C-alpha atoms as a PDB file:
ATOM      1  CA  MET A   1     -45.151   9.671  97.252  1.00  0.00           C
ATOM      2  CA  LEU A   2     -42.414   9.207  99.803  1.00  0.00           C
ATOM      3  CA  SER A   3     -38.687   9.820  99.691  1.00  0.00           C
ATOM      4  CA  LYS A   4     -35.534   7.803 100.258  1.00  0.00           C
ATOM      5  CA  ALA A   5     -32.136   9.130 101.233  1.00  0.00           C
ATOM      6  CA  ALA A   6     -29.345   9.604  98.694  1.00  0.00           C
ATOM      7  CA  ASP A   7     -25.751  10.681  99.210  1.00  0.00           C
ATOM      8  CA  ALA A   8     -25.607  13.075  96.240  1.00  0.00           C
ATOM      9  CA  LEU A   9     -27.743  14.696  93.574  1.00  0.00           C
ATOM     10  CA  PRO A  10     -28.357  12.290  90.685  1.00  0.00           C
ATOM     11  CA  GLY A  11     -26.707  13.010  87.354  1.00  0.00           C
ATOM     12  CA  GLY A  12     -28.109  12.800  83.852  1.00  0.00           C
ATOM     13  CA  ASP A  13     -31.242  14.221  82.305  1.00  0.00           C
ATOM     14  CA  GLY A  14     -34.847  13.794  83.332  1.00  0.00           C
ATOM     15  CA  TRP A  15     -34.706  15.095  86.901  1.00  0.00           C
ATOM     16  CA  GLN A  16     -36.573  17.903  88.639  1.00  0.00           C
ATOM     17  CA  PHE A  17     -34.933  19.389  91.720  1.00  0.00           C
ATOM     18  CA  GLU A  18     -36.725  21.263  94.507  1.00  0.00           C
ATOM     19  CA  PRO A  19     -35.749  22.627  97.934  1.00  0.00           C
ATOM     20  CA  LYS A  20     -36.457  20.245 100.802  1.00  0.00           C
ATOM     21  CA  TRP A  21     -38.723  22.246 103.097  1.00  0.00           C
ATOM     22  CA  ASP A  22     -39.137  19.633 105.834  1.00  0.00           C
ATOM     23  CA  GLY A  23     -42.095  21.245 107.546  1.00  0.00           C
ATOM     24  CA  PHE A  24     -45.379  19.352 107.959  1.00  0.00           C
ATOM     25  CA  ARG A  25     -46.188  17.345 104.819  1.00  0.00           C
ATOM     26  CA  THR A  26     -49.799  18.196 103.990  1.00  0.00           C
ATOM     27  CA  LEU A  27     -52.420  17.402 101.381  1.00  0.00           C
ATOM     28  CA  VAL A  28     -54.920  20.183 100.706  1.00  0.00           C
ATOM     29  CA  PHE A  29     -58.380  19.308  99.372  1.00  0.00           C
ATOM     30  CA  ARG A  30     -60.529  22.175  98.110  1.00  0.00           C
ATOM     31  CA  ASP A  31     -64.145  21.577  97.115  1.00  0.00           C
ATOM     32  CA  GLY A  32     -65.944  24.866  96.685  1.00  0.00           C
ATOM     33  CA  ASP A  33     -65.958  26.682 100.009  1.00  0.00           C
ATOM     34  CA  GLU A  34     -64.619  23.646 101.875  1.00  0.00           C
ATOM     35  CA  VAL A  35     -60.885  23.258 102.488  1.00  0.00           C
ATOM     36  CA  LEU A  36     -59.362  20.249 104.255  1.00  0.00           C
ATOM     37  CA  LEU A  37     -55.749  20.125 105.401  1.00  0.00           C
ATOM     38  CA  GLN A  38     -54.673  16.515 105.896  1.00  0.00           C
ATOM     39  CA  SER A  39     -51.426  15.139 107.300  1.00  0.00           C
ATOM     40  CA  ARG A  40     -49.475  12.298 105.713  1.00  0.00           C
ATOM     41  CA  ASP A  41     -51.146   9.869 108.119  1.00  0.00           C
ATOM     42  CA  GLU A  42     -54.562  11.228 107.110  1.00  0.00           C
ATOM     43  CA  LYS A  43     -55.242  13.316 110.205  1.00  0.00           C
ATOM     44  CA  PRO A  44     -57.090  16.657 109.812  1.00  0.00           C
ATOM     45  CA  MET A  45     -54.866  19.702 110.341  1.00  0.00           C
ATOM     46  CA  ASN A  46     -57.329  22.602 109.997  1.00  0.00           C
ATOM     47  CA  ARG A  47     -57.632  23.178 113.741  1.00  0.00           C
ATOM     48  CA  TYR A  48     -53.860  23.584 114.108  1.00  0.00           C
ATOM     49  CA  PHE A  49     -53.414  26.004 111.202  1.00  0.00           C
ATOM     50  CA  PRO A  50     -56.681  27.955 110.944  1.00  0.00           C
ATOM     51  CA  GLU A  51     -54.965  30.953 109.355  1.00  0.00           C
ATOM     52  CA  LEU A  52     -54.275  28.943 106.175  1.00  0.00           C
ATOM     53  CA  VAL A  53     -57.841  27.917 105.363  1.00  0.00           C
ATOM     54  CA  ALA A  54     -59.051  31.182 103.811  1.00  0.00           C
ATOM     55  CA  PRO A  55     -55.839  31.887 101.815  1.00  0.00           C
ATOM     56  CA  LEU A  56     -55.885  28.352 100.398  1.00  0.00           C
ATOM     57  CA  ALA A  57     -59.538  28.706  99.450  1.00  0.00           C
ATOM     58  CA  ALA A  58     -58.636  31.890  97.597  1.00  0.00           C
ATOM     59  CA  ALA A  59     -55.504  30.519  95.909  1.00  0.00           C
ATOM     60  CA  LEU A  60     -56.477  27.012  94.792  1.00  0.00           C
ATOM     61  CA  PRO A  61     -58.836  26.055  91.968  1.00  0.00           C
ATOM     62  CA  GLU A  62     -62.390  25.432  93.125  1.00  0.00           C
ATOM     63  CA  ARG A  63     -62.018  21.643  93.024  1.00  0.00           C
ATOM     64  CA  SER A  64     -58.457  20.477  93.454  1.00  0.00           C
ATOM     65  CA  VAL A  65     -56.015  18.414  95.515  1.00  0.00           C
ATOM     66  CA  VAL A  66     -52.514  19.775  96.164  1.00  0.00           C
ATOM     67  CA  ASP A  67     -49.500  18.203  97.869  1.00  0.00           C
ATOM     68  CA  GLY A  68     -47.071  20.405  99.767  1.00  0.00           C
ATOM     69  CA  GLU A  69     -45.645  21.516 103.076  1.00  0.00           C
ATOM     70  CA  ILE A  70     -46.745  23.735 105.946  1.00  0.00           C
ATOM     71  CA  VAL A  71     -43.857  25.851 107.229  1.00  0.00           C
ATOM     72  CA  ILE A  72     -43.333  28.711 109.659  1.00  0.00           C
ATOM     73  CA  VAL A  73     -40.705  31.350 108.962  1.00  0.00           C
ATOM     74  CA  GLY A  74     -39.021  32.886 111.995  1.00  0.00           C
ATOM     75  CA  ALA A  75     -36.367  35.554 112.382  1.00  0.00           C
ATOM     76  CA  ALA A  76     -33.572  33.061 111.670  1.00  0.00           C
ATOM     77  CA  GLY A  77     -35.315  31.106 108.903  1.00  0.00           C
ATOM     78  CA  LEU A  78     -37.681  28.163 108.964  1.00  0.00           C
ATOM     79  CA  ASP A  79     -38.746  27.259 112.499  1.00  0.00           C
ATOM     80  CA  PHE A  80     -39.760  23.624 112.928  1.00  0.00           C
ATOM     81  CA  GLU A  81     -40.273  23.889 116.685  1.00  0.00           C
ATOM     82  CA  ALA A  82     -42.857  26.608 116.086  1.00  0.00           C
ATOM     83  CA  LEU A  83     -44.757  24.040 114.021  1.00  0.00           C
ATOM     84  CA  LEU A  84     -44.567  21.503 116.826  1.00  0.00           C
ATOM     85  CA  LEU A  85     -46.091  24.006 119.247  1.00  0.00           C
ATOM     86  CA  ARG A  86     -49.213  24.144 117.064  1.00  0.00           C
ATOM     87  CA  ILE A  87     -50.160  20.557 117.851  1.00  0.00           C
ATOM     88  CA  HIS A  88     -51.971  21.653 120.975  1.00  0.00           C
ATOM     89  CA  PRO A  89     -55.377  20.687 122.396  1.00  0.00           C
ATOM     90  CA  ALA A  90     -56.406  24.241 123.329  1.00  0.00           C
ATOM     91  CA  ALA A  91     -57.923  26.198 120.442  1.00  0.00           C
ATOM     92  CA  SER A  92     -57.177  29.459 122.258  1.00  0.00           C
ATOM     93  CA  ARG A  93     -53.474  28.594 122.362  1.00  0.00           C
ATOM     94  CA  VAL A  94     -53.430  27.689 118.662  1.00  0.00           C
ATOM     95  CA  LYS A  95     -55.195  30.952 117.810  1.00  0.00           C
ATOM     96  CA  LEU A  96     -52.608  32.936 119.761  1.00  0.00           C
ATOM     97  CA  LEU A  97     -49.693  31.156 118.068  1.00  0.00           C
ATOM     98  CA  ALA A  98     -51.298  31.604 114.645  1.00  0.00           C
ATOM     99  CA  ALA A  99     -51.391  35.350 115.240  1.00  0.00           C
ATOM    100  CA  GLU A 100     -47.835  35.513 116.600  1.00  0.00           C
ATOM    101  CA  SER A 101     -46.178  33.161 114.092  1.00  0.00           C
ATOM    102  CA  PRO A 102     -48.454  32.593 111.090  1.00  0.00           C
ATOM    103  CA  ALA A 103     -47.794  29.584 108.890  1.00  0.00           C
ATOM    104  CA  SER A 104     -47.335  29.372 105.137  1.00  0.00           C
ATOM    105  CA  PHE A 105     -48.103  26.625 102.638  1.00  0.00           C
ATOM    106  CA  VAL A 106     -45.617  25.652  99.936  1.00  0.00           C
ATOM    107  CA  ALA A 107     -47.173  23.655  97.077  1.00  0.00           C
ATOM    108  CA  TRP A 108     -45.178  21.291  94.891  1.00  0.00           C
ATOM    109  CA  ASP A 109     -47.632  18.896  93.223  1.00  0.00           C
ATOM    110  CA  LEU A 110     -51.161  18.913  91.817  1.00  0.00           C
ATOM    111  CA  LEU A 111     -52.975  15.596  92.179  1.00  0.00           C
ATOM    112  CA  ALA A 112     -56.480  16.415  90.990  1.00  0.00           C
ATOM    113  CA  LEU A 113     -58.223  19.241  89.158  1.00  0.00           C
ATOM    114  CA  GLY A 114     -61.974  19.273  88.699  1.00  0.00           C
ATOM    115  CA  ASP A 115     -63.000  15.713  87.803  1.00  0.00           C
ATOM    116  CA  GLU A 116     -59.535  14.831  86.472  1.00  0.00           C
ATOM    117  CA  ASP A 117     -57.162  12.577  88.423  1.00  0.00           C
ATOM    118  CA  LEU A 118     -53.698  13.882  87.562  1.00  0.00           C
ATOM    119  CA  ARG A 119     -51.702  11.246  89.442  1.00  0.00           C
ATOM    120  CA  PRO A 120     -51.144   9.009  86.369  1.00  0.00           C
ATOM    121  CA  LEU A 121     -49.585  11.929  84.476  1.00  0.00           C
ATOM    122  CA  PRO A 122     -45.803  12.401  84.482  1.00  0.00           C
ATOM    123  CA  LEU A 123     -44.423  14.953  86.925  1.00  0.00           C
ATOM    124  CA  ALA A 124     -43.493  17.324  84.080  1.00  0.00           C
ATOM    125  CA  GLN A 125     -47.161  17.675  83.119  1.00  0.00           C
ATOM    126  CA  ARG A 126     -48.371  17.897  86.710  1.00  0.00           C
ATOM    127  CA  ARG A 127     -45.843  20.658  87.412  1.00  0.00           C
ATOM    128  CA  GLU A 128     -47.045  22.629  84.392  1.00  0.00           C
ATOM    129  CA  ARG A 129     -50.646  22.311  85.540  1.00  0.00           C
ATOM    130  CA  LEU A 130     -49.651  23.311  89.083  1.00  0.00           C
ATOM    131  CA  GLU A 131     -47.921  26.465  87.858  1.00  0.00           C
ATOM    132  CA  GLN A 132     -51.030  27.394  85.896  1.00  0.00           C
ATOM    133  CA  ALA A 133     -53.313  26.661  88.857  1.00  0.00           C
ATOM    134  CA  LEU A 134     -51.268  28.820  91.259  1.00  0.00           C
ATOM    135  CA  ALA A 135     -50.483  31.643  88.851  1.00  0.00           C
ATOM    136  CA  GLY A 136     -52.487  34.074  90.975  1.00  0.00           C
ATOM    137  CA  ALA A 137     -51.465  32.751  94.385  1.00  0.00           C
ATOM    138  CA  ALA A 138     -50.278  35.193  97.032  1.00  0.00           C
ATOM    139  CA  PRO A 139     -48.602  34.725 100.430  1.00  0.00           C
ATOM    140  CA  PRO A 140     -49.017  32.735 102.601  1.00  0.00           C
ATOM    141  CA  VAL A 141     -49.537  30.302  99.679  1.00  0.00           C
ATOM    142  CA  HIS A 142     -46.403  29.699  97.613  1.00  0.00           C
ATOM    143  CA  LEU A 143     -45.252  27.598  94.677  1.00  0.00           C
ATOM    144  CA  SER A 144     -42.084  25.670  95.477  1.00  0.00           C
ATOM    145  CA  PRO A 145     -39.169  26.606  93.199  1.00  0.00           C
ATOM    146  CA  ALA A 146     -38.063  23.882  90.804  1.00  0.00           C
ATOM    147  CA  THR A 147     -35.227  23.429  88.335  1.00  0.00           C
ATOM    148  CA  HIS A 148     -33.946  20.826  85.880  1.00  0.00           C
ATOM    149  CA  ASP A 149     -30.399  22.166  86.214  1.00  0.00           C
ATOM    150  CA  ARG A 150     -28.215  20.110  88.557  1.00  0.00           C
ATOM    151  CA  ALA A 151     -25.798  23.024  89.028  1.00  0.00           C
ATOM    152  CA  VAL A 152     -28.636  25.240  90.253  1.00  0.00           C
ATOM    153  CA  ALA A 153     -29.750  22.510  92.653  1.00  0.00           C
ATOM    154  CA  GLU A 154     -26.196  22.184  93.988  1.00  0.00           C
ATOM    155  CA  ASP A 155     -26.137  25.938  94.578  1.00  0.00           C
ATOM    156  CA  TRP A 156     -29.436  25.696  96.477  1.00  0.00           C
ATOM    157  CA  PHE A 157     -28.020  22.889  98.585  1.00  0.00           C
ATOM    158  CA  ARG A 158     -25.043  25.017  99.636  1.00  0.00           C
ATOM    159  CA  ARG A 159     -26.674  28.427  99.854  1.00  0.00           C
ATOM    160  CA  PHE A 160     -30.061  27.784 101.453  1.00  0.00           C
ATOM    161  CA  GLU A 161     -28.909  25.810 104.490  1.00  0.00           C
ATOM    162  CA  GLY A 162     -28.605  28.974 106.567  1.00  0.00           C
ATOM    163  CA  ALA A 163     -32.265  29.763 105.868  1.00  0.00           C
ATOM    164  CA  GLY A 164     -33.344  26.470 107.358  1.00  0.00           C
ATOM    165  CA  LEU A 165     -33.895  24.391 104.237  1.00  0.00           C
ATOM    166  CA  ASP A 166     -32.961  20.799 104.893  1.00  0.00           C
ATOM    167  CA  GLY A 167     -31.482  19.875 101.519  1.00  0.00           C
ATOM    168  CA  VAL A 168     -32.751  19.170  98.009  1.00  0.00           C
ATOM    169  CA  MET A 169     -35.341  16.768  96.584  1.00  0.00           C
ATOM    170  CA  ALA A 170     -34.854  15.003  93.238  1.00  0.00           C
ATOM    171  CA  LYS A 171     -37.843  13.676  91.280  1.00  0.00           C
ATOM    172  CA  ARG A 172     -38.089  11.953  87.903  1.00  0.00           C
ATOM    173  CA  LEU A 173     -39.860  14.129  85.356  1.00  0.00           C
ATOM    174  CA  ASP A 174     -41.485  11.093  83.745  1.00  0.00           C
ATOM    175  CA  ALA A 175     -42.777   9.601  87.010  1.00  0.00           C
ATOM    176  CA  PRO A 176     -46.473   9.409  87.898  1.00  0.00           C
ATOM    177  CA  TYR A 177     -47.583  10.155  91.444  1.00  0.00           C
ATOM    178  CA  ARG A 178     -47.429   6.875  93.365  1.00  0.00           C
ATOM    179  CA  ALA A 179     -48.884   7.211  96.849  1.00  0.00           C
ATOM    180  CA  GLY A 180     -46.937   5.340  99.508  1.00  0.00           C
ATOM    181  CA  GLU A 181     -43.960   4.514  97.263  1.00  0.00           C
ATOM    182  CA  ARG A 182     -40.473   5.907  97.856  1.00  0.00           C
ATOM    183  CA  THR A 183     -39.900   7.353  94.406  1.00  0.00           C
ATOM    184  CA  MET A 184     -38.309  10.678  95.390  1.00  0.00           C
ATOM    185  CA  LEU A 185     -34.698  11.171  96.449  1.00  0.00           C
ATOM    186  CA  LYS A 186     -33.751  13.402  99.372  1.00  0.00           C
ATOM    187  CA  ILE A 187     -30.260  14.775  99.662  1.00  0.00           C
ATOM    188  CA  LYS A 188     -29.916  16.214 103.161  1.00  0.00           C
ATOM    189  CA  HIS A 189     -27.299  18.236 104.966  1.00  0.00           C
ATOM    190  CA  ALA A 190     -25.325  15.954 107.249  1.00  0.00           C
ATOM    191  CA  ARG A 191     -23.810  17.302 110.437  1.00  0.00           C
ATOM    192  CA  SER A 192     -22.895  15.739 113.742  1.00  0.00           C
ATOM    193  CA  ALA A 193     -22.479  16.969 117.295  1.00  0.00           C
ATOM    194  CA  ASP A 194     -21.520  15.507 120.656  1.00  0.00           C
ATOM    195  CA  CYS A 195     -24.646  16.220 122.695  1.00  0.00           C
ATOM    196  CA  VAL A 196     -25.636  15.903 126.320  1.00  0.00           C
ATOM    197  CA  VAL A 197     -28.540  13.552 127.018  1.00  0.00           C
ATOM    198  CA  ALA A 198     -30.369  15.813 129.444  1.00  0.00           C
ATOM    199  CA  GLY A 199     -33.539  13.809 129.877  1.00  0.00           C
ATOM    200  CA  PHE A 200     -36.134  11.694 128.122  1.00  0.00           C
ATOM    201  CA  ARG A 201     -39.828  11.400 127.417  1.00  0.00           C
ATOM    202  CA  TRP A 202     -41.902   8.253 127.823  1.00  0.00           C
ATOM    203  CA  HIS A 203     -43.220   6.580 124.698  1.00  0.00           C
ATOM    204  CA  LYS A 204     -46.875   7.373 124.025  1.00  0.00           C
ATOM    205  CA  ASN A 205     -47.715   3.650 123.982  1.00  0.00           C
ATOM    206  CA  GLY A 206     -45.500   2.641 126.877  1.00  0.00           C
ATOM    207  CA  ALA A 207     -45.344   5.235 129.648  1.00  0.00           C
ATOM    208  CA  GLY A 208     -43.185   3.813 132.408  1.00  0.00           C
ATOM    209  CA  THR A 209     -41.996   0.894 130.292  1.00  0.00           C
ATOM    210  CA  MET A 210     -40.543   2.388 127.089  1.00  0.00           C
ATOM    211  CA  VAL A 211     -38.497   5.510 126.363  1.00  0.00           C
ATOM    212  CA  GLY A 212     -40.013   7.602 123.594  1.00  0.00           C
ATOM    213  CA  SER A 213     -37.223  10.080 122.902  1.00  0.00           C
ATOM    214  CA  LEU A 214     -34.001  11.339 124.426  1.00  0.00           C
ATOM    215  CA  LEU A 215     -33.769  15.111 124.973  1.00  0.00           C
ATOM    216  CA  LEU A 216     -30.474  16.456 123.660  1.00  0.00           C
ATOM    217  CA  GLY A 217     -28.604  19.567 124.741  1.00  0.00           C
ATOM    218  CA  LEU A 218     -25.473  21.569 123.983  1.00  0.00           C
ATOM    219  CA  TYR A 219     -23.677  24.002 126.274  1.00  0.00           C
ATOM    220  CA  ASP A 220     -23.000  27.529 125.039  1.00  0.00           C
ATOM    221  CA  GLU A 221     -19.938  29.607 125.914  1.00  0.00           C
ATOM    222  CA  ASP A 222     -21.597  30.800 129.125  1.00  0.00           C
ATOM    223  CA  GLY A 223     -22.267  27.273 130.322  1.00  0.00           C
ATOM    224  CA  THR A 224     -26.020  27.343 129.644  1.00  0.00           C
ATOM    225  CA  LEU A 225     -27.430  24.029 128.452  1.00  0.00           C
ATOM    226  CA  HIS A 226     -29.684  24.585 125.432  1.00  0.00           C
ATOM    227  CA  HIS A 227     -32.104  22.067 123.976  1.00  0.00           C
ATOM    228  CA  VAL A 228     -31.111  21.258 120.385  1.00  0.00           C
ATOM    229  CA  GLY A 229     -33.431  18.403 119.495  1.00  0.00           C
ATOM    230  CA  VAL A 230     -34.364  14.817 120.230  1.00  0.00           C
ATOM    231  CA  THR A 231     -33.420  11.358 119.040  1.00  0.00           C
ATOM    232  CA  ALA A 232     -36.191   8.799 118.835  1.00  0.00           C
ATOM    233  CA  SER A 233     -35.368   6.160 116.199  1.00  0.00           C
ATOM    234  CA  PHE A 234     -35.313   3.154 118.498  1.00  0.00           C
ATOM    235  CA  THR A 235     -36.770  -0.324 118.288  1.00  0.00           C
ATOM    236  CA  ASN A 236     -39.171  -1.293 121.061  1.00  0.00           C
ATOM    237  CA  ALA A 237     -36.512  -3.587 122.502  1.00  0.00           C
ATOM    238  CA  VAL A 238     -34.065  -0.699 122.771  1.00  0.00           C
ATOM    239  CA  ARG A 239     -36.771   1.548 124.251  1.00  0.00           C
ATOM    240  CA  LYS A 240     -37.316  -0.990 127.042  1.00  0.00           C
ATOM    241  CA  ALA A 241     -33.586  -1.457 127.580  1.00  0.00           C
ATOM    242  CA  LEU A 242     -33.123   2.301 127.930  1.00  0.00           C
ATOM    243  CA  VAL A 243     -35.574   2.352 130.842  1.00  0.00           C
ATOM    244  CA  VAL A 244     -33.277  -0.003 132.763  1.00  0.00           C
ATOM    245  CA  GLU A 245     -30.097   1.771 131.671  1.00  0.00           C
ATOM    246  CA  LEU A 246     -31.379   5.207 132.659  1.00  0.00           C
ATOM    247  CA  ALA A 247     -32.987   4.127 135.940  1.00  0.00           C
ATOM    248  CA  PRO A 248     -29.966   5.018 138.145  1.00  0.00           C
ATOM    249  CA  LEU A 249     -29.780   8.459 136.549  1.00  0.00           C
ATOM    250  CA  ARG A 250     -33.401   9.202 137.434  1.00  0.00           C
ATOM    251  CA  GLU A 251     -32.712   9.196 141.175  1.00  0.00           C
ATOM    252  CA  ASN A 252     -32.774  12.831 142.353  1.00  0.00           C
ATOM    253  CA  ALA A 253     -32.409  13.762 138.691  1.00  0.00           C
ATOM    254  CA  LEU A 254     -33.844  17.262 139.109  1.00  0.00           C
ATOM    255  CA  GLU A 255     -31.446  18.236 141.868  1.00  0.00           C
ATOM    256  CA  GLY A 256     -29.121  20.776 140.293  1.00  0.00           C
ATOM    257  CA  HIS A 257     -30.467  20.102 136.806  1.00  0.00           C
ATOM    258  CA  PRO A 258     -30.353  23.252 134.615  1.00  0.00           C
ATOM    259  CA  TRP A 259     -33.783  22.427 133.215  1.00  0.00           C
ATOM    260  CA  ARG A 260     -35.417  21.829 136.602  1.00  0.00           C
ATOM    261  CA  ASP A 261     -37.906  24.706 136.374  1.00  0.00           C
ATOM    262  CA  TRP A 262     -39.077  23.580 132.964  1.00  0.00           C
ATOM    263  CA  ALA A 263     -39.326  19.925 134.015  1.00  0.00           C
ATOM    264  CA  GLU A 264     -41.389  20.746 137.099  1.00  0.00           C
ATOM    265  CA  ALA A 265     -43.641  22.999 135.050  1.00  0.00           C
ATOM    266  CA  GLN A 266     -44.354  20.082 132.697  1.00  0.00           C
ATOM    267  CA  GLU A 267     -46.589  18.657 135.376  1.00  0.00           C
ATOM    268  CA  GLY A 268     -48.727  21.785 135.368  1.00  0.00           C
ATOM    269  CA  ALA A 269     -50.887  23.493 132.780  1.00  0.00           C
ATOM    270  CA  GLU A 270     -48.521  26.470 132.630  1.00  0.00           C
ATOM    271  CA  ALA A 271     -46.044  24.413 130.589  1.00  0.00           C
ATOM    272  CA  ALA A 272     -48.460  23.436 127.860  1.00  0.00           C
ATOM    273  CA  GLY A 273     -47.025  24.415 124.499  1.00  0.00           C
ATOM    274  CA  GLN A 274     -43.772  25.783 125.897  1.00  0.00           C
ATOM    275  CA  ARG A 275     -40.505  25.260 124.078  1.00  0.00           C
ATOM    276  CA  LEU A 276     -37.784  23.288 125.748  1.00  0.00           C
ATOM    277  CA  PRO A 277     -35.086  25.286 127.572  1.00  0.00           C
ATOM    278  CA  GLY A 278     -33.001  27.448 125.288  1.00  0.00           C
ATOM    279  CA  ALA A 279     -35.780  27.617 122.707  1.00  0.00           C
ATOM    280  CA  SER A 280     -33.340  26.461 120.057  1.00  0.00           C
ATOM    281  CA  SER A 281     -34.874  25.640 116.697  1.00  0.00           C
ATOM    282  CA  ARG A 282     -33.882  22.539 114.762  1.00  0.00           C
ATOM    283  CA  TRP A 283     -33.508  24.953 111.844  1.00  0.00           C
ATOM    284  CA  ASN A 284     -30.774  27.146 113.311  1.00  0.00           C
ATOM    285  CA  ARG A 285     -27.025  26.716 112.958  1.00  0.00           C
ATOM    286  CA  GLY A 286     -27.001  24.437 115.963  1.00  0.00           C
ATOM    287  CA  LYS A 287     -29.200  21.895 114.229  1.00  0.00           C
ATOM    288  CA  ASP A 288     -27.961  18.325 114.254  1.00  0.00           C
END
């Protein structure tokens, strides 16, 4: 199941509302002693979040499939950049990060239990079965809160933003689980900022010919330029056009650049897994 954007929470009966965690969407398959974490694009995630395997094996029914989100909670709330740092080729680095900033798993749907495929069942029944299945779960495995009360969901939308939640999800109680279909609604916090384009990364399929993402920054009161995120929703035609447009700005680009040390380190192993300058999280108050 996928989501589509909505401007406001839907009215009327028959809706279930949940916080929008916006971590790494993950399916968890447990079969006896085996646990597989799988991303939305069907890539294995166990190596990046090894600290979750044993807790999930202990929390989930012996044969089950659960849909949910991997998140990391930092001092200021949910920390999406800490998740990004986990996608690293060095197992030693992942192990260190897992010890320093352990991840959690938030479950919100139960797709299979034993030999039973629960996807054809309405969400209301799947939620009931999920609550029963996770009745004995303990951190770092959590059951996502849910409500049928629109007023409660509106309160979540207002109150939880400071903790890093990205909005509220709305799901029909009578809906089966339809993989690949946009049947959920996402109501997200919308904010804007005038950012500095401080650099860019090449596209993974077009290094030297296509821009992958623009690195965005904001100055603080002391004049320090902090990284606050990226923008990357471009067509391939725009990616190629950006290469030409940015070409003049690349000449002597590092001279006097506030991120020079970080940029030069990117060419060496010492930069692997480092945050961008400022170490700002997309979950803090400076989030776009």
